[in-house]
């Protein structure tokens, strides 16, 4: 299964692209996906970020499907 993941802000800068692909052999949950991403992109480990699935930030460890829109977002700041 190939998952496309959109990156924003400093995470896109660190990866050198605004979208990455992660290949998995079977269904995967959010926490397992984040472990794979952290291993493949160790520079992300020093940056706090959240994951959004289908445009909703989630803290739950739900399954991630190939049809889901997945995004990794850095901390937000504003004023």
N, C-alpha and C. Protein backbone atom coordinates (compact mmCIF):
# COMPACT_ATOMS: atom_id res chain seq x y z
N UNK A 1 0.86 -1.17 0.00
CA UNK A 1 0.00 0.00 0.00
C UNK A 1 0.91 1.23 0.00
N UNK A 2 0.61 2.16 -0.86
CA UNK A 2 1.40 3.38 -0.97
C UNK A 2 0.58 4.56 -0.47
N UNK A 3 1.09 5.24 0.57
CA UNK A 3 0.40 6.39 1.14
C UNK A 3 1.10 7.67 0.72
N UNK A 4 0.33 8.63 0.24
CA UNK A 4 0.86 9.95 -0.09
C UNK A 4 0.61 10.87 1.10
N UNK A 5 1.65 11.57 1.52
CA UNK A 5 1.55 12.42 2.70
C UNK A 5 2.03 13.82 2.34
N UNK A 6 1.17 14.80 2.59
CA UNK A 6 1.52 16.20 2.31
C UNK A 6 2.29 16.78 3.50
N UNK A 7 3.30 17.56 3.19
CA UNK A 7 4.11 18.21 4.21
C UNK A 7 3.98 19.72 4.09
N UNK A 8 4.04 20.40 5.22
CA UNK A 8 3.90 21.85 5.22
C UNK A 8 5.01 22.49 6.04
N UNK A 9 5.28 23.75 5.75
CA UNK A 9 6.21 24.55 6.52
C UNK A 9 7.61 23.97 6.60
N UNK A 10 8.17 23.99 7.80
CA UNK A 10 9.54 23.55 8.01
C UNK A 10 9.73 22.07 7.68
N UNK A 11 8.67 21.29 7.81
CA UNK A 11 8.77 19.87 7.48
C UNK A 11 9.01 19.66 5.98
N UNK A 12 8.33 20.44 5.16
CA UNK A 12 8.56 20.37 3.72
C UNK A 12 9.98 20.83 3.40
N UNK A 13 10.46 21.85 4.11
CA UNK A 13 11.83 22.32 3.91
C UNK A 13 12.84 21.23 4.26
N UNK A 14 12.63 20.56 5.38
CA UNK A 14 13.56 19.52 5.82
C UNK A 14 13.57 18.32 4.88
N UNK A 15 12.40 17.99 4.32
CA UNK A 15 12.31 16.85 3.40
C UNK A 15 12.71 17.23 1.98
N UNK A 16 12.70 18.53 1.67
CA UNK A 16 13.03 18.97 0.33
C UNK A 16 11.90 18.77 -0.67
N UNK A 17 10.69 18.54 -0.16
CA UNK A 17 9.53 18.32 -1.01
C UNK A 17 8.27 18.58 -0.20
N UNK A 18 7.17 18.83 -0.89
CA UNK A 18 5.91 19.07 -0.18
C UNK A 18 5.04 17.82 -0.09
N UNK A 19 5.53 16.71 -0.65
CA UNK A 19 4.78 15.46 -0.59
C UNK A 19 5.74 14.29 -0.57
N UNK A 20 5.49 13.34 0.33
CA UNK A 20 6.29 12.12 0.39
C UNK A 20 5.38 10.93 0.21
N UNK A 21 5.98 9.79 -0.13
CA UNK A 21 5.23 8.55 -0.24
C UNK A 21 5.85 7.53 0.71
N UNK A 22 4.99 6.83 1.42
CA UNK A 22 5.42 5.77 2.32
C UNK A 22 4.78 4.48 1.83
N UNK A 23 5.61 3.46 1.63
CA UNK A 23 5.13 2.16 1.18
C UNK A 23 4.99 1.24 2.38
N UNK A 24 3.83 0.63 2.52
CA UNK A 24 3.60 -0.35 3.58
C UNK A 24 3.04 -1.63 2.95
N UNK A 25 3.27 -2.74 3.64
CA UNK A 25 2.82 -4.02 3.10
C UNK A 25 1.35 -4.28 3.40
N UNK A 26 0.82 -3.65 4.43
CA UNK A 26 -0.56 -3.91 4.82
C UNK A 26 -1.14 -2.65 5.45
N UNK A 27 -2.36 -2.78 5.97
CA UNK A 27 -2.98 -1.65 6.65
C UNK A 27 -2.09 -1.21 7.80
N UNK A 28 -2.19 0.06 8.12
CA UNK A 28 -1.31 0.63 9.13
C UNK A 28 -2.10 1.62 9.97
N UNK A 29 -1.71 1.76 11.23
CA UNK A 29 -2.36 2.76 12.08
C UNK A 29 -1.50 4.02 12.13
N UNK A 30 -2.07 5.07 12.68
CA UNK A 30 -1.40 6.37 12.69
C UNK A 30 -0.06 6.32 13.42
N UNK A 31 0.00 5.69 14.58
CA UNK A 31 1.24 5.64 15.34
C UNK A 31 2.34 4.88 14.60
N UNK A 32 1.99 3.78 13.95
CA UNK A 32 2.97 3.02 13.17
C UNK A 32 3.47 3.83 11.98
N UNK A 33 2.57 4.56 11.35
CA UNK A 33 2.96 5.43 10.24
C UNK A 33 3.95 6.49 10.70
N UNK A 34 3.69 7.11 11.86
CA UNK A 34 4.59 8.13 12.37
C UNK A 34 5.96 7.57 12.70
N UNK A 35 6.02 6.33 13.18
CA UNK A 35 7.32 5.68 13.45
C UNK A 35 8.11 5.49 12.16
N UNK A 36 7.42 5.09 11.10
CA UNK A 36 8.09 4.91 9.80
C UNK A 36 8.61 6.25 9.29
N UNK A 37 7.79 7.29 9.40
CA UNK A 37 8.20 8.62 8.93
C UNK A 37 9.40 9.12 9.73
N UNK A 38 9.36 8.96 11.06
CA UNK A 38 10.47 9.41 11.89
C UNK A 38 11.77 8.68 11.55
N UNK A 39 11.66 7.39 11.20
CA UNK A 39 12.85 6.61 10.82
C UNK A 39 13.38 7.06 9.46
N UNK A 40 12.47 7.30 8.51
CA UNK A 40 12.88 7.70 7.15
C UNK A 40 13.36 9.15 7.11
N UNK A 41 12.80 10.00 7.96
CA UNK A 41 13.15 11.42 8.00
C UNK A 41 13.55 11.79 9.43
N UNK A 42 14.75 11.41 9.87
CA UNK A 42 15.16 11.65 11.26
C UNK A 42 15.16 13.13 11.66
N UNK A 43 15.30 14.03 10.72
CA UNK A 43 15.28 15.47 11.04
C UNK A 43 13.92 15.90 11.58
N UNK A 44 12.87 15.16 11.24
CA UNK A 44 11.54 15.49 11.75
C UNK A 44 11.45 15.28 13.25
N UNK A 45 12.25 14.37 13.79
CA UNK A 45 12.20 14.05 15.20
C UNK A 45 12.49 15.22 16.11
N UNK A 46 13.17 16.22 15.59
CA UNK A 46 13.51 17.41 16.37
C UNK A 46 12.47 18.51 16.21
N UNK A 47 11.41 18.22 15.47
CA UNK A 47 10.36 19.21 15.22
C UNK A 47 9.03 18.65 15.74
N UNK A 48 8.33 19.44 16.50
CA UNK A 48 6.99 19.03 16.91
C UNK A 48 6.06 19.15 15.71
N UNK A 49 5.18 18.16 15.55
CA UNK A 49 4.21 18.23 14.48
C UNK A 49 2.99 17.40 14.83
N UNK A 50 1.93 17.63 14.09
CA UNK A 50 0.69 16.86 14.25
C UNK A 50 0.31 16.27 12.90
N UNK A 51 -0.50 15.25 12.96
CA UNK A 51 -0.96 14.62 11.72
C UNK A 51 -2.45 14.90 11.55
N UNK A 52 -2.82 15.20 10.32
CA UNK A 52 -4.23 15.41 9.98
C UNK A 52 -4.62 14.33 8.98
N UNK A 53 -5.75 13.71 9.23
CA UNK A 53 -6.29 12.70 8.32
C UNK A 53 -7.64 13.22 7.85
N UNK A 54 -7.74 13.36 6.55
CA UNK A 54 -8.96 13.90 5.93
C UNK A 54 -9.32 15.26 6.51
N UNK A 55 -8.29 16.10 6.63
CA UNK A 55 -8.40 17.50 7.05
C UNK A 55 -8.81 17.68 8.51
N UNK A 56 -8.63 16.64 9.33
CA UNK A 56 -8.92 16.75 10.76
C UNK A 56 -7.70 16.29 11.55
N UNK A 57 -7.20 17.17 12.42
CA UNK A 57 -6.08 16.80 13.28
C UNK A 57 -6.57 15.73 14.23
N UNK A 58 -5.78 14.67 14.35
CA UNK A 58 -6.20 13.56 15.18
C UNK A 58 -5.11 13.16 16.17
N UNK A 59 -5.53 12.80 17.37
CA UNK A 59 -4.65 12.25 18.38
C UNK A 59 -4.92 10.77 18.58
N UNK A 60 -5.98 10.28 17.97
CA UNK A 60 -6.35 8.88 18.11
C UNK A 60 -5.52 8.01 17.18
N UNK A 61 -5.30 6.77 17.58
CA UNK A 61 -4.50 5.85 16.79
C UNK A 61 -5.39 5.02 15.87
N UNK A 62 -6.04 5.67 14.92
CA UNK A 62 -6.93 4.99 13.99
C UNK A 62 -6.15 4.45 12.80
N UNK A 63 -6.77 3.53 12.09
CA UNK A 63 -6.19 3.00 10.86
C UNK A 63 -6.13 4.10 9.81
N UNK A 64 -5.10 4.04 8.98
CA UNK A 64 -4.93 4.98 7.88
C UNK A 64 -5.08 4.18 6.59
N UNK A 65 -5.91 4.69 5.69
CA UNK A 65 -6.19 4.01 4.43
C UNK A 65 -5.56 4.75 3.26
N UNK A 66 -5.35 4.03 2.18
CA UNK A 66 -4.73 4.61 1.00
C UNK A 66 -5.57 5.76 0.44
N UNK A 67 -6.86 5.73 0.65
CA UNK A 67 -7.73 6.78 0.13
C UNK A 67 -7.77 8.02 1.02
N UNK A 68 -7.20 7.94 2.22
CA UNK A 68 -7.21 9.08 3.14
C UNK A 68 -6.26 10.19 2.67
N UNK A 69 -6.66 11.42 2.94
CA UNK A 69 -5.78 12.56 2.71
C UNK A 69 -4.99 12.77 4.01
N UNK A 70 -3.68 12.58 3.93
CA UNK A 70 -2.83 12.64 5.11
C UNK A 70 -1.91 13.85 4.98
N UNK A 71 -1.82 14.62 6.05
CA UNK A 71 -0.94 15.79 6.07
C UNK A 71 -0.21 15.85 7.40
N UNK A 72 1.03 16.30 7.36
CA UNK A 72 1.80 16.51 8.57
C UNK A 72 2.05 18.00 8.68
N UNK A 73 1.66 18.54 9.83
CA UNK A 73 1.67 19.98 10.03
C UNK A 73 2.61 20.37 11.17
N UNK A 74 3.45 21.37 10.94
CA UNK A 74 4.32 21.88 12.02
C UNK A 74 3.51 22.73 12.98
N UNK A 75 4.11 23.15 14.08
CA UNK A 75 3.39 24.03 15.02
C UNK A 75 2.93 25.30 14.33
N UNK A 76 1.79 25.80 14.75
CA UNK A 76 1.24 27.02 14.19
C UNK A 76 1.59 28.19 15.10
N UNK A 77 1.77 29.32 14.49
CA UNK A 77 1.99 30.56 15.25
C UNK A 77 1.18 31.65 14.57
N UNK A 78 0.76 32.57 15.31
CA UNK A 78 -0.02 33.63 14.69
C UNK A 78 -0.17 34.80 15.63
N UNK A 79 -0.82 35.80 15.13
CA UNK A 79 -0.96 36.95 15.99
C UNK A 79 -2.07 37.85 15.54
